[in-house]
């Protein structure tokens, strides 16, 4: 059985999304930092998260670039998107009060429900990538 191009397409979509998100955070780093400072996370974790979020996105992009590590990228992407989705879901409930989105680019202009839908779509794409990769490895024997 020949390997399909579907994992590559899924990887491309995730690379595009994470690259855009990371670039917009880094280009407007001062704004990203300011928005992170008002997030409802422990104060001691903010300085860590300011760097950990973009770095984790960059690592995810890097492993998605290569076929040998693509499966790891699908897992990393799923973990990140699940974490972001839980956070946005909680923000939608109003549990944190009125907080700004610390995302960059056009995503920051979405309201919480739109942001949540966006995250769930990319979470589903990431999980689908895991299943497609597992299915193809099983049938191809790689």
C-alpha atoms as a PDB file:
ATOM      1  CA  UNK A   1       0.000   0.000   0.000  1.00  0.00           C
ATOM      2  CA  UNK A   2       1.316   3.432  -0.936  1.00  0.00           C
ATOM      3  CA  UNK A   3       1.524   6.165   1.662  1.00  0.00           C
ATOM      4  CA  UNK A   4      -1.077   8.864   1.070  1.00  0.00           C
ATOM      5  CA  UNK A   5      -0.423  12.574   0.971  1.00  0.00           C
ATOM      6  CA  UNK A   6      -2.977  13.195   3.727  1.00  0.00           C
ATOM      7  CA  UNK A   7      -0.432  13.292   6.603  1.00  0.00           C
ATOM      8  CA  UNK A   8       1.604  15.822   4.618  1.00  0.00           C
ATOM      9  CA  UNK A   9      -1.478  17.984   4.035  1.00  0.00           C
ATOM     10  CA  UNK A  10      -2.414  17.846   7.717  1.00  0.00           C
ATOM     11  CA  UNK A  11       1.164  18.655   8.685  1.00  0.00           C
ATOM     12  CA  UNK A  12       1.181  21.591   6.259  1.00  0.00           C
ATOM     13  CA  UNK A  13      -2.024  23.041   7.766  1.00  0.00           C
ATOM     14  CA  UNK A  14      -0.631  22.731  11.293  1.00  0.00           C
ATOM     15  CA  UNK A  15       2.735  24.203  10.291  1.00  0.00           C
ATOM     16  CA  UNK A  16       0.952  27.131   8.672  1.00  0.00           C
ATOM     17  CA  UNK A  17      -1.224  27.782  11.724  1.00  0.00           C
ATOM     18  CA  UNK A  18       1.548  27.438  14.334  1.00  0.00           C
ATOM     19  CA  UNK A  19       4.052  29.431  12.254  1.00  0.00           C
ATOM     20  CA  UNK A  20       1.567  32.265  11.861  1.00  0.00           C
ATOM     21  CA  UNK A  21       0.633  32.203  15.562  1.00  0.00           C
ATOM     22  CA  UNK A  22       4.265  32.175  16.668  1.00  0.00           C
ATOM     23  CA  UNK A  23       5.366  34.863  14.223  1.00  0.00           C
ATOM     24  CA  UNK A  24       2.563  37.179  15.280  1.00  0.00           C
ATOM     25  CA  UNK A  25       3.478  36.690  18.956  1.00  0.00           C
ATOM     26  CA  UNK A  26       7.149  37.383  18.295  1.00  0.00           C
ATOM     27  CA  UNK A  27       6.564  40.364  15.996  1.00  0.00           C
ATOM     28  CA  UNK A  28       4.382  42.006  18.656  1.00  0.00           C
ATOM     29  CA  UNK A  29       6.280  40.538  21.593  1.00  0.00           C
ATOM     30  CA  UNK A  30       5.754  43.541  23.886  1.00  0.00           C
ATOM     31  CA  UNK A  31       1.981  43.314  23.386  1.00  0.00           C
ATOM     32  CA  UNK A  32       2.034  39.537  23.856  1.00  0.00           C
ATOM     33  CA  UNK A  33       4.010  39.966  27.087  1.00  0.00           C
ATOM     34  CA  UNK A  34       1.624  42.645  28.394  1.00  0.00           C
ATOM     35  CA  UNK A  35      -1.396  40.471  27.635  1.00  0.00           C
ATOM     36  CA  UNK A  36       0.223  37.469  29.296  1.00  0.00           C
ATOM     37  CA  UNK A  37       0.808  39.523  32.442  1.00  0.00           C
ATOM     38  CA  UNK A  38      -2.966  39.932  32.916  1.00  0.00           C
ATOM     39  CA  UNK A  39      -3.842  36.281  32.308  1.00  0.00           C
ATOM     40  CA  UNK A  40      -5.264  34.345  35.265  1.00  0.00           C
ATOM     41  CA  UNK A  41      -2.207  32.186  35.809  1.00  0.00           C
ATOM     42  CA  UNK A  42       0.094  32.159  38.820  1.00  0.00           C
ATOM     43  CA  UNK A  43       2.379  35.192  38.674  1.00  0.00           C
ATOM     44  CA  UNK A  44       5.467  33.029  39.053  1.00  0.00           C
ATOM     45  CA  UNK A  45       4.589  31.168  35.826  1.00  0.00           C
ATOM     46  CA  UNK A  46       4.103  34.185  33.556  1.00  0.00           C
ATOM     47  CA  UNK A  47       7.780  34.752  32.727  1.00  0.00           C
ATOM     48  CA  UNK A  48       8.100  31.049  31.924  1.00  0.00           C
ATOM     49  CA  UNK A  49       4.944  30.974  29.769  1.00  0.00           C
ATOM     50  CA  UNK A  50       5.930  34.084  27.820  1.00  0.00           C
ATOM     51  CA  UNK A  51       8.808  32.079  26.356  1.00  0.00           C
ATOM     52  CA  UNK A  52       7.458  28.522  26.673  1.00  0.00           C
ATOM     53  CA  UNK A  53       4.390  29.083  24.496  1.00  0.00           C
ATOM     54  CA  UNK A  54       6.228  30.381  21.383  1.00  0.00           C
ATOM     55  CA  UNK A  55       9.100  27.921  21.886  1.00  0.00           C
ATOM     56  CA  UNK A  56       6.693  24.984  22.134  1.00  0.00           C
ATOM     57  CA  UNK A  57       4.984  26.173  18.949  1.00  0.00           C
ATOM     58  CA  UNK A  58       8.350  26.429  17.168  1.00  0.00           C
ATOM     59  CA  UNK A  59       9.314  22.924  18.314  1.00  0.00           C
ATOM     60  CA  UNK A  60       5.975  21.605  17.072  1.00  0.00           C
ATOM     61  CA  UNK A  61       6.563  23.187  13.663  1.00  0.00           C
ATOM     62  CA  UNK A  62      10.099  21.783  13.530  1.00  0.00           C
ATOM     63  CA  UNK A  63       9.025  18.182  14.156  1.00  0.00           C
ATOM     64  CA  UNK A  64       6.099  18.487  11.734  1.00  0.00           C
ATOM     65  CA  UNK A  65       8.529  19.393   8.944  1.00  0.00           C
ATOM     66  CA  UNK A  66      10.032  15.898   8.688  1.00  0.00           C
ATOM     67  CA  UNK A  67       8.262  12.644   7.864  1.00  0.00           C
ATOM     68  CA  UNK A  68      10.212  10.703  10.486  1.00  0.00           C
ATOM     69  CA  UNK A  69       9.057  13.001  13.301  1.00  0.00           C
ATOM     70  CA  UNK A  70       5.673  14.007  11.907  1.00  0.00           C
ATOM     71  CA  UNK A  71       3.779  11.665  14.256  1.00  0.00           C
ATOM     72  CA  UNK A  72       5.430  13.351  17.249  1.00  0.00           C
ATOM     73  CA  UNK A  73       4.346  16.683  15.780  1.00  0.00           C
ATOM     74  CA  UNK A  74       0.740  15.495  15.597  1.00  0.00           C
ATOM     75  CA  UNK A  75       0.877  14.549  19.290  1.00  0.00           C
ATOM     76  CA  UNK A  76       2.512  17.860  20.282  1.00  0.00           C
ATOM     77  CA  UNK A  77      -0.027  19.774  18.227  1.00  0.00           C
ATOM     78  CA  UNK A  78      -2.873  17.857  19.876  1.00  0.00           C
ATOM     79  CA  UNK A  79      -1.523  18.596  23.344  1.00  0.00           C
ATOM     80  CA  UNK A  80      -1.087  22.311  22.612  1.00  0.00           C
ATOM     81  CA  UNK A  81      -4.483  22.672  20.969  1.00  0.00           C
ATOM     82  CA  UNK A  82      -6.188  20.742  23.783  1.00  0.00           C
ATOM     83  CA  UNK A  83      -4.546  22.984  26.394  1.00  0.00           C
ATOM     84  CA  UNK A  84      -5.444  26.148  24.472  1.00  0.00           C
ATOM     85  CA  UNK A  85      -9.009  24.877  23.977  1.00  0.00           C
ATOM     86  CA  UNK A  86      -9.497  24.156  27.681  1.00  0.00           C
ATOM     87  CA  UNK A  87      -8.205  27.628  28.513  1.00  0.00           C
ATOM     88  CA  UNK A  88     -10.485  29.315  25.958  1.00  0.00           C
ATOM     89  CA  UNK A  89     -13.411  27.170  27.086  1.00  0.00           C
ATOM     90  CA  UNK A  90     -12.899  28.337  30.651  1.00  0.00           C
ATOM     91  CA  UNK A  91     -12.549  31.946  29.478  1.00  0.00           C
ATOM     92  CA  UNK A  92     -15.905  31.586  27.698  1.00  0.00           C
ATOM     93  CA  UNK A  93     -17.586  30.660  30.970  1.00  0.00           C
ATOM     94  CA  UNK A  94     -16.481  33.978  32.474  1.00  0.00           C
ATOM     95  CA  UNK A  95     -14.667  32.181  35.281  1.00  0.00           C
ATOM     96  CA  UNK A  96     -11.659  34.483  34.815  1.00  0.00           C
ATOM     97  CA  UNK A  97     -13.661  37.671  34.382  1.00  0.00           C
ATOM     98  CA  UNK A  98     -12.900  39.896  31.421  1.00  0.00           C
ATOM     99  CA  UNK A  99      -9.452  39.028  30.090  1.00  0.00           C
ATOM    100  CA  UNK A 100      -7.802  39.822  26.770  1.00  0.00           C
ATOM    101  CA  UNK A 101      -6.780  37.111  24.366  1.00  0.00           C
ATOM    102  CA  UNK A 102      -3.006  36.846  24.265  1.00  0.00           C
ATOM    103  CA  UNK A 103      -3.025  35.301  20.806  1.00  0.00           C
ATOM    104  CA  UNK A 104      -1.527  37.111  17.911  1.00  0.00           C
ATOM    105  CA  UNK A 105      -2.573  38.085  14.441  1.00  0.00           C
ATOM    106  CA  UNK A 106      -6.133  37.855  13.220  1.00  0.00           C
ATOM    107  CA  UNK A 107      -6.984  35.257  15.862  1.00  0.00           C
ATOM    108  CA  UNK A 108      -6.917  37.913  18.580  1.00  0.00           C
ATOM    109  CA  UNK A 109      -9.841  39.620  16.831  1.00  0.00           C
ATOM    110  CA  UNK A 110     -12.103  36.610  17.300  1.00  0.00           C
ATOM    111  CA  UNK A 111     -14.522  36.546  20.188  1.00  0.00           C
ATOM    112  CA  UNK A 112     -14.105  33.660  22.606  1.00  0.00           C
ATOM    113  CA  UNK A 113     -16.690  31.380  20.862  1.00  0.00           C
ATOM    114  CA  UNK A 114     -14.977  31.876  17.495  1.00  0.00           C
ATOM    115  CA  UNK A 115     -11.595  31.267  19.045  1.00  0.00           C
ATOM    116  CA  UNK A 116     -12.906  28.118  20.718  1.00  0.00           C
ATOM    117  CA  UNK A 117     -14.280  26.819  17.392  1.00  0.00           C
ATOM    118  CA  UNK A 118     -10.952  27.614  15.683  1.00  0.00           C
ATOM    119  CA  UNK A 119      -9.054  25.702  18.375  1.00  0.00           C
ATOM    120  CA  UNK A 120     -11.404  22.715  18.210  1.00  0.00           C
ATOM    121  CA  UNK A 121     -11.031  22.533  14.421  1.00  0.00           C
ATOM    122  CA  UNK A 122      -7.246  22.445  14.699  1.00  0.00           C
ATOM    123  CA  UNK A 123      -7.438  20.004  17.602  1.00  0.00           C
ATOM    124  CA  UNK A 124      -9.559  17.711  15.408  1.00  0.00           C
ATOM    125  CA  UNK A 125      -7.088  18.102  12.527  1.00  0.00           C
ATOM    126  CA  UNK A 126      -4.205  17.200  14.875  1.00  0.00           C
ATOM    127  CA  UNK A 127      -5.983  14.127  16.238  1.00  0.00           C
ATOM    128  CA  UNK A 128      -6.948  13.060  12.721  1.00  0.00           C
ATOM    129  CA  UNK A 129      -3.261  13.321  11.801  1.00  0.00           C
ATOM    130  CA  UNK A 130      -2.430  10.880  14.610  1.00  0.00           C
ATOM    131  CA  UNK A 131      -5.032   8.375  13.393  1.00  0.00           C
ATOM    132  CA  UNK A 132      -4.028   8.661   9.739  1.00  0.00           C
ATOM    133  CA  UNK A 133      -0.354   8.247  10.638  1.00  0.00           C
ATOM    134  CA  UNK A 134      -1.071   5.207  12.818  1.00  0.00           C
ATOM    135  CA  UNK A 135      -3.267   3.646  10.127  1.00  0.00           C
ATOM    136  CA  UNK A 136      -0.662   4.135   7.433  1.00  0.00           C
ATOM    137  CA  UNK A 137       2.171   2.818   9.589  1.00  0.00           C
ATOM    138  CA  UNK A 138       0.118  -0.295  10.356  1.00  0.00           C
ATOM    139  CA  UNK A 139      -0.739  -0.959   6.692  1.00  0.00           C
ATOM    140  CA  UNK A 140       2.572   0.033   5.190  1.00  0.00           C
ATOM    141  CA  UNK A 141       4.693  -1.488   7.935  1.00  0.00           C
ATOM    142  CA  UNK A 142       6.886   1.561   8.530  1.00  0.00           C
END
